[in-house]
Amino acid sequence: MNNGELHKPLLDSLSTAIILVDSELRLRHMNPAAEALLAVSSERTMGEPFTQFFYESTDTPEQLRTAAEQANHYTKRHAEWQLLTGGQITVDYTVTPFGDEGGLVIEIQPIDRLLKISREEMLTSSQETTRNLVRGMAHEIKNPLGGIRGAAQLLARELPGSDLQEYTGVIIDEADRLRNLVDRMLGPNQLPQRQALNIHEVLERVATIIKAESRGSIRICRDYDPSIPDLEADKEQLIQAFLNIARNAMQALLEHNTADPELRLITRIQRRYTIGRRHHPLVCRIDIIDNGPGIPEDIVQNIFYPMISGRADGTGLGLTISQHLIHQHQGLIECDSESGQTRFSLYLPMEAQHAQA
């Protein structure tokens, strides 16, 4: 490992994280990609044990030492690394013997974003399948409902007394209720009517509604990025998408009597973001965060499916509709929830504005 001057320029030019250690697992070289991944400086940590920069398991140091002593080559997939900064990353890494002194080359590939893209694709695909199923069921349900309602109306005209017509009225009202439920399951069927709008106007409209419905009992905190340009979107659809999420948060806060209930609205620009398989140079991110009890762990992964709700009297349709509306804008909604904080992150592409900039 004495000919470092020869390999350093080559390693430093790679986008893959590369680390060289000696037989004692002491750091001998770390290229810039590895520095960025582990959030450490190679100059300050040169000669330090490599294993102090992350934690995977108690067996990891011994496995690396064995590889160095026996010149073994191995690869680990989907390894969870806890970093000194407190962050956690998922990586694939390969350990390869190097030189004649028991050194190792460790090649690290972060796969968090790839796993996230895969989950997003699965979610999008399964939601589309569910939506097609619901659409098919809706037509099968609405057709007989129309017949039942019409028959009840005809029957009501033939009945002699108003006391008997009360029963036909119940049939008609329940048929209407079921039809409205099916229509809500289908969600809006019109395409977005896009126009230039300020995302903060949409959020302020939502904040005003929540303030009125909660009678001012919930503190609404705003953390806006005023530099976000206008984006092309359907204002009413975005209001509906955001309001469904904010209203769920409000109901959770009030129903559980949360101390100092708070709803936070945050906007940021995010660069070079991938939604599905499509790369977007510029994305508007909107976070809607509450300090309520959180979403039950057993349903949080399925929260965007129809009829899935954490509330006893919830229909489970609001988030499904929100996800559909954001998908129509080529965007995405993500949810992260734990006791004391639930965060919904909405991503809306801004290619048109980026091209104009």
Protein backbone atom coordinates (compact mmCIF):
# COMPACT_ATOMS: atom_id res chain seq x y z
CA MET A 1 0.00 0.00 0.00
CA ASN A 2 3.01 2.27 -0.44
CA ASN A 3 2.24 3.25 -4.01
CA GLY A 4 -0.72 5.36 -2.93
CA GLU A 5 0.22 8.25 -5.18
CA LEU A 6 -0.58 6.07 -8.19
CA HIS A 7 -4.06 4.96 -7.25
CA LYS A 8 -5.35 8.02 -5.37
CA PRO A 9 -6.14 10.19 -8.44
CA LEU A 10 -8.03 7.30 -10.03
CA LEU A 11 -10.01 6.48 -6.89
CA ASP A 12 -10.81 10.13 -6.24
CA SER A 13 -12.34 10.48 -9.71
CA LEU A 14 -14.89 7.69 -9.08
CA SER A 15 -18.47 8.38 -8.04
CA THR A 16 -18.51 5.07 -6.14
CA ALA A 17 -17.43 5.25 -2.48
CA ILE A 18 -14.02 3.53 -2.11
CA ILE A 19 -12.10 3.00 1.13
CA LEU A 20 -8.64 1.46 1.58
CA VAL A 21 -7.62 0.00 4.95
CA ASP A 22 -4.55 -1.84 6.14
CA SER A 23 -4.42 -5.23 7.88
CA GLU A 24 -5.38 -3.57 11.19
CA LEU A 25 -8.42 -1.96 9.52
CA ARG A 26 -6.85 1.48 9.86
CA LEU A 27 -7.88 3.99 7.24
CA ARG A 28 -5.30 4.54 4.48
CA HIS A 29 -7.42 6.31 1.88
CA MET A 30 -11.01 7.47 1.44
CA ASN A 31 -12.16 9.01 -1.81
CA PRO A 32 -14.51 12.05 -1.88
CA ALA A 33 -17.57 9.88 -2.59
CA ALA A 34 -16.88 7.91 0.60
CA GLU A 35 -16.32 11.10 2.58
CA ALA A 36 -19.71 12.41 1.46
CA LEU A 37 -21.44 9.11 2.19
CA LEU A 38 -20.03 8.68 5.72
CA ALA A 39 -19.92 12.43 6.47
CA VAL A 40 -16.29 12.33 7.65
CA SER A 41 -13.03 13.92 6.50
CA SER A 42 -10.28 11.58 5.33
CA GLU A 43 -7.54 14.05 6.31
CA ARG A 44 -8.71 14.21 9.92
CA THR A 45 -9.37 10.48 10.25
CA MET A 46 -6.34 9.04 8.46
CA GLY A 47 -4.91 6.13 10.45
CA GLU A 48 -8.06 5.73 12.56
CA PRO A 49 -9.91 2.36 12.70
CA PHE A 50 -12.39 2.29 9.84
CA THR A 51 -15.03 0.52 11.93
CA GLN A 52 -15.42 3.50 14.23
CA PHE A 53 -17.15 5.49 11.47
CA PHE A 54 -20.21 3.23 11.30
CA TYR A 55 -21.98 0.42 13.11
CA GLU A 56 -23.51 -2.57 11.37
CA SER A 57 -23.24 -5.42 13.86
CA THR A 58 -20.84 -6.72 16.48
CA ASP A 59 -19.58 -9.30 13.95
CA THR A 60 -18.53 -6.78 11.30
CA PRO A 61 -15.00 -5.95 12.62
CA GLU A 62 -14.17 -9.64 12.98
CA GLN A 63 -15.41 -10.39 9.46
CA LEU A 64 -13.21 -7.64 8.06
CA ARG A 65 -10.17 -8.84 10.00
CA THR A 66 -10.73 -12.40 8.78
CA ALA A 67 -10.95 -11.13 5.21
CA ALA A 68 -7.66 -9.28 5.67
CA GLU A 69 -5.86 -12.24 7.27
CA GLN A 70 -7.13 -14.89 4.85
CA ALA A 71 -7.35 -12.70 1.73
CA ASN A 72 -11.07 -13.43 1.46
CA HIS A 73 -13.44 -11.62 -0.87
CA TYR A 74 -17.08 -11.13 0.12
CA THR A 75 -20.13 -8.97 -0.61
CA LYS A 76 -22.97 -7.94 1.67
CA ARG A 77 -26.37 -6.81 0.41
CA HIS A 78 -28.82 -4.46 2.11
CA ALA A 79 -26.55 -3.80 5.08
CA GLU A 80 -27.86 -1.22 7.56
CA TRP A 81 -25.13 1.18 8.70
CA GLN A 82 -25.57 3.55 11.65
CA LEU A 83 -23.32 6.58 11.12
CA LEU A 84 -21.55 8.82 13.61
CA THR A 85 -23.88 11.66 12.61
CA GLY A 86 -26.84 9.63 13.87
CA GLY A 87 -28.11 8.92 10.37
CA GLN A 88 -28.73 5.49 8.93
CA ILE A 89 -28.00 4.29 5.41
CA THR A 90 -28.64 1.05 3.55
CA VAL A 91 -25.71 -0.12 1.43
CA ASP A 92 -24.32 -2.94 -0.65
CA TYR A 93 -20.60 -3.29 -0.05
CA THR A 94 -17.82 -5.48 -1.37
CA VAL A 95 -14.60 -6.29 0.47
CA THR A 96 -11.60 -7.21 -1.70
CA PRO A 97 -8.02 -8.08 -0.59
CA PHE A 98 -5.48 -5.52 -1.77
CA GLY A 99 -1.68 -5.64 -1.91
CA ASP A 100 0.70 -7.98 -0.14
CA GLU A 101 0.28 -6.56 3.37
CA GLY A 102 -3.26 -7.71 4.16
CA GLY A 103 -4.97 -4.53 3.09
CA LEU A 104 -8.56 -4.32 1.92
CA VAL A 105 -10.49 -2.34 -0.65
CA ILE A 106 -14.08 -1.65 0.49
CA GLU A 107 -16.47 -0.57 -2.29
CA ILE A 108 -19.74 0.88 -1.02
CA GLN A 109 -22.96 1.44 -2.96
CA PRO A 110 -25.76 3.30 -1.14
CA ILE A 111 -29.10 1.82 -2.15
CA ASP A 112 -31.57 3.81 -0.01
CA ARG A 113 -32.85 5.76 -3.02
CA LEU A 114 -33.11 2.61 -5.18
CA LEU A 115 -35.13 0.86 -2.48
CA LYS A 116 -37.32 3.93 -2.14
CA ILE A 117 -37.95 4.07 -5.90
CA SER A 118 -38.82 0.37 -5.88
CA ARG A 119 -41.30 0.86 -3.03
CA GLU A 120 -42.82 3.86 -4.79
CA GLU A 121 -43.26 1.86 -8.00
CA MET A 122 -44.88 -1.01 -6.13
CA LEU A 123 -47.18 1.41 -4.30
CA THR A 124 -48.15 3.20 -7.52
CA SER A 125 -48.76 -0.07 -9.35
CA SER A 126 -50.82 -1.62 -6.54
CA GLN A 127 -52.84 1.57 -6.09
CA GLU A 128 -53.61 1.67 -9.81
CA THR A 129 -54.71 -1.96 -9.65
CA THR A 130 -56.89 -1.19 -6.64
CA ARG A 131 -58.36 1.84 -8.39
CA ASN A 132 -59.25 -0.23 -11.47
CA LEU A 133 -60.88 -2.81 -9.21
CA VAL A 134 -62.86 -0.13 -7.38
CA ARG A 135 -63.91 1.44 -10.69
CA GLY A 136 -65.21 -1.90 -11.93
CA MET A 137 -67.03 -2.61 -8.66
CA ALA A 138 -68.52 0.90 -8.67
CA HIS A 139 -70.25 0.35 -11.98
CA GLU A 140 -71.56 -3.04 -10.83
CA ILE A 141 -72.91 -1.45 -7.62
CA LYS A 142 -74.37 1.74 -9.11
CA ASN A 143 -76.44 -0.02 -11.77
CA PRO A 144 -78.59 -2.09 -9.35
CA LEU A 145 -78.73 0.86 -6.92
CA GLY A 146 -80.39 2.92 -9.65
CA GLY A 147 -82.91 0.12 -10.20
CA ILE A 148 -83.63 -0.20 -6.47
CA ARG A 149 -84.11 3.55 -6.11
CA GLY A 150 -86.41 3.73 -9.13
CA ALA A 151 -88.49 0.78 -7.93
CA ALA A 152 -88.82 2.37 -4.48
CA GLN A 153 -90.07 5.59 -6.03
CA LEU A 154 -92.68 3.74 -8.09
CA LEU A 155 -93.74 1.72 -5.07
CA ALA A 156 -94.12 4.90 -2.99
CA ARG A 157 -96.67 6.24 -5.49
CA GLU A 158 -98.79 3.11 -5.19
CA LEU A 159 -98.82 2.90 -1.38
CA PRO A 160 -101.98 4.21 0.26
CA GLY A 161 -100.59 5.69 3.47
CA SER A 162 -97.70 7.96 4.37
CA ASP A 163 -96.66 5.59 7.17
CA LEU A 164 -95.78 2.95 4.57
CA GLN A 165 -94.08 5.54 2.36
CA GLU A 166 -91.66 6.15 5.22
CA TYR A 167 -90.09 2.76 4.47
CA THR A 168 -89.67 3.52 0.78
CA GLY A 169 -88.08 6.82 1.81
CA VAL A 170 -85.50 4.89 3.82
CA ILE A 171 -84.74 2.72 0.78
CA ILE A 172 -84.29 5.80 -1.43
CA ASP A 173 -82.11 7.63 1.13
CA GLU A 174 -79.87 4.59 1.68
CA ALA A 175 -79.51 4.04 -2.08
CA ASP A 176 -78.45 7.69 -2.44
CA ARG A 177 -75.99 7.31 0.43
CA LEU A 178 -74.38 4.25 -1.13
CA ARG A 179 -74.20 5.96 -4.53
CA ASN A 180 -72.44 8.95 -2.95
CA LEU A 181 -70.01 6.61 -1.18
CA VAL A 182 -69.17 4.90 -4.46
CA ASP A 183 -68.66 8.28 -6.15
CA ARG A 184 -66.26 9.28 -3.37
CA MET A 185 -64.35 6.02 -3.78
CA LEU A 186 -63.89 6.79 -7.47
CA GLY A 187 -62.67 10.30 -6.66
CA PRO A 188 -62.53 13.19 -9.15
CA ASN A 189 -62.71 11.95 -12.73
CA GLN A 190 -61.63 15.14 -14.48
CA LEU A 191 -58.08 15.91 -15.58
CA PRO A 192 -56.23 18.75 -13.80
CA GLN A 193 -57.00 22.23 -15.13
CA ARG A 194 -53.49 23.55 -14.90
CA GLN A 195 -52.67 27.18 -14.33
CA ALA A 196 -49.79 29.10 -12.78
CA LEU A 197 -50.26 29.28 -9.02
CA ASN A 198 -48.36 30.05 -5.85
CA ILE A 199 -48.20 26.96 -3.67
CA HIS A 200 -48.41 29.12 -0.56
CA GLU A 201 -51.81 30.49 -1.60
CA VAL A 202 -53.06 26.89 -1.65
CA LEU A 203 -51.61 26.19 1.80
CA GLU A 204 -53.03 29.41 3.23
CA ARG A 205 -56.48 28.41 2.00
CA VAL A 206 -56.10 25.06 3.73
CA ALA A 207 -54.81 26.75 6.91
CA THR A 208 -57.83 29.07 6.96
CA ILE A 209 -60.25 26.14 6.66
CA ILE A 210 -58.50 24.15 9.40
CA LYS A 211 -58.44 27.17 11.69
CA ALA A 212 -62.18 27.67 11.20
CA GLU A 213 -63.09 23.99 11.63
CA SER A 214 -60.94 23.63 14.76
CA ARG A 215 -62.19 26.97 16.12
CA GLY A 216 -58.63 28.13 16.52
CA SER A 217 -57.72 25.36 18.96
CA ILE A 218 -54.81 24.13 16.83
CA ARG A 219 -51.67 26.19 16.42
CA ILE A 220 -50.69 26.39 12.75
CA CYS A 221 -46.97 26.99 12.18
CA ARG A 222 -45.68 28.03 8.77
CA ASP A 223 -42.15 27.51 7.47
CA TYR A 224 -42.30 28.62 3.84
CA ASP A 225 -39.57 29.10 1.27
CA PRO A 226 -40.63 32.35 -0.43
CA SER A 227 -38.27 31.76 -3.35
CA ILE A 228 -40.37 28.86 -4.72
CA PRO A 229 -41.66 29.97 -8.15
CA ASP A 230 -45.21 29.48 -9.37
CA LEU A 231 -46.01 25.99 -10.63
CA GLU A 232 -48.51 24.73 -13.18
CA ALA A 233 -51.25 22.86 -11.33
CA ASP A 234 -54.97 22.61 -10.66
CA LYS A 235 -55.60 24.86 -7.67
CA GLU A 236 -58.84 23.22 -6.54
CA GLN A 237 -57.41 19.72 -6.79
CA LEU A 238 -54.33 20.68 -4.75
CA ILE A 239 -56.51 22.33 -2.11
CA GLN A 240 -58.54 19.12 -1.88
CA ALA A 241 -55.42 16.93 -1.69
CA PHE A 242 -53.78 19.04 1.04
CA LEU A 243 -57.04 19.56 2.93
CA ASN A 244 -57.75 15.83 3.19
CA ILE A 245 -54.36 15.33 4.88
CA ALA A 246 -54.61 18.41 7.11
CA ARG A 247 -58.16 17.53 8.15
CA ASN A 248 -57.09 14.00 9.15
CA ALA A 249 -54.34 15.56 11.27
CA MET A 250 -56.82 17.98 12.87
CA GLN A 251 -59.24 15.19 13.72
CA ALA A 252 -56.47 13.06 15.24
CA LEU A 253 -55.26 15.99 17.37
CA LEU A 254 -58.72 16.87 18.65
CA GLU A 255 -60.01 13.33 19.20
CA HIS A 256 -56.96 12.39 21.30
CA ASN A 257 -56.92 15.68 23.22
CA THR A 258 -53.29 16.27 22.26
CA ALA A 259 -51.56 18.75 24.54
CA ASP A 260 -50.56 21.91 22.65
CA PRO A 261 -51.88 20.59 19.30
CA GLU A 262 -49.80 21.85 16.40
CA LEU A 263 -49.93 21.59 12.62
CA ARG A 264 -46.81 22.58 10.68
CA LEU A 265 -46.78 23.52 7.00
CA ILE A 266 -43.33 23.49 5.38
CA THR A 267 -42.27 24.16 1.78
CA ARG A 268 -38.87 23.57 0.24
CA ILE A 269 -37.24 23.17 -3.15
CA GLN A 270 -35.63 19.78 -3.73
CA ARG A 271 -33.20 19.30 -6.59
CA ARG A 272 -32.52 16.18 -8.66
CA TYR A 273 -35.35 14.07 -7.30
CA THR A 274 -36.67 10.84 -8.80
CA ILE A 275 -40.37 9.95 -8.71
CA GLY A 276 -40.94 6.43 -9.98
CA ARG A 277 -38.42 6.07 -12.79
CA ARG A 278 -38.61 9.68 -13.88
CA HIS A 279 -35.87 12.10 -12.86
CA HIS A 280 -36.93 15.66 -12.06
CA PRO A 281 -34.35 18.46 -11.86
CA LEU A 282 -36.56 20.55 -9.58
CA VAL A 283 -39.34 19.47 -7.22
CA CYS A 284 -41.50 21.38 -4.76
CA ARG A 285 -41.74 19.52 -1.44
CA ILE A 286 -44.61 20.25 0.95
CA ASP A 287 -44.56 18.76 4.44
CA ILE A 288 -47.71 18.60 6.57
CA ILE A 289 -46.72 17.60 10.10
CA ASP A 290 -48.78 17.14 13.26
CA ASN A 291 -47.76 16.27 16.82
CA GLY A 292 -50.62 13.85 17.38
CA PRO A 293 -50.63 10.20 18.47
CA GLY A 294 -49.37 8.86 15.14
CA ILE A 295 -50.83 6.31 12.75
CA PRO A 296 -51.08 2.72 14.06
CA GLU A 297 -48.08 0.71 12.89
CA ASP A 298 -50.23 -2.10 11.48
CA ILE A 299 -51.90 0.19 8.91
CA VAL A 300 -49.31 2.88 8.15
CA GLN A 301 -47.94 0.96 5.14
CA ASN A 302 -51.43 0.68 3.64
CA ILE A 303 -52.77 4.09 4.60
CA PHE A 304 -53.32 5.20 0.98
CA TYR A 305 -55.56 2.25 0.07
CA PRO A 306 -59.37 2.70 0.04
CA MET A 307 -61.27 1.89 3.25
CA ILE A 308 -58.09 1.88 5.37
CA SER A 309 -58.48 4.27 8.31
CA GLY A 310 -57.05 4.70 11.78
CA ARG A 311 -60.30 6.26 13.02
CA ALA A 312 -63.34 4.29 14.14
CA ASP A 313 -65.71 6.45 12.07
CA GLY A 314 -63.34 7.11 9.17
CA THR A 315 -64.13 6.03 5.61
CA GLY A 316 -60.50 5.65 4.55
CA LEU A 317 -61.11 7.57 1.32
CA GLY A 318 -59.49 10.96 1.97
CA LEU A 319 -55.87 9.86 1.59
CA THR A 320 -56.72 7.65 -1.39
CA ILE A 321 -58.22 10.66 -3.15
CA SER A 322 -55.24 12.85 -2.19
CA GLN A 323 -52.77 10.33 -3.60
CA HIS A 324 -54.78 10.11 -6.83
CA LEU A 325 -54.88 13.91 -7.22
CA ILE A 326 -51.13 14.23 -6.64
CA HIS A 327 -50.45 11.36 -9.06
CA GLN A 328 -52.42 13.27 -11.69
CA HIS A 329 -49.82 16.03 -11.24
CA GLN A 330 -47.01 13.43 -11.71
CA GLY A 331 -46.25 13.82 -8.01
CA LEU A 332 -45.98 11.60 -4.96
CA ILE A 333 -47.07 11.48 -1.32
CA GLU A 334 -45.03 9.76 1.38
CA CYS A 335 -45.94 9.16 5.01
CA ASP A 336 -43.71 8.72 8.05
CA SER A 337 -45.39 8.35 11.41
CA GLU A 338 -44.47 7.72 15.01
CA SER A 339 -46.00 8.69 18.32
CA GLY A 340 -45.79 12.47 18.62
CA GLN A 341 -45.16 13.18 14.94
CA THR A 342 -46.82 12.27 11.68
CA ARG A 343 -45.32 13.70 8.51
CA PHE A 344 -46.89 13.66 5.06
CA SER A 345 -44.46 14.78 2.36
CA LEU A 346 -45.88 15.78 -1.02
CA TYR A 347 -43.63 16.18 -4.07
CA LEU A 348 -44.71 18.18 -7.12
CA PRO A 349 -42.41 18.40 -10.19
CA MET A 350 -41.55 21.88 -11.48
CA GLU A 351 -39.97 21.17 -14.89
CA ALA A 352 -41.74 24.05 -16.62
CA GLN A 353 -40.50 26.57 -14.10
CA HIS A 354 -37.01 25.07 -14.15
CA ALA A 355 -36.88 25.39 -17.93
CA GLN A 356 -37.92 29.04 -17.73
CA ALA A 357 -35.33 29.87 -15.06
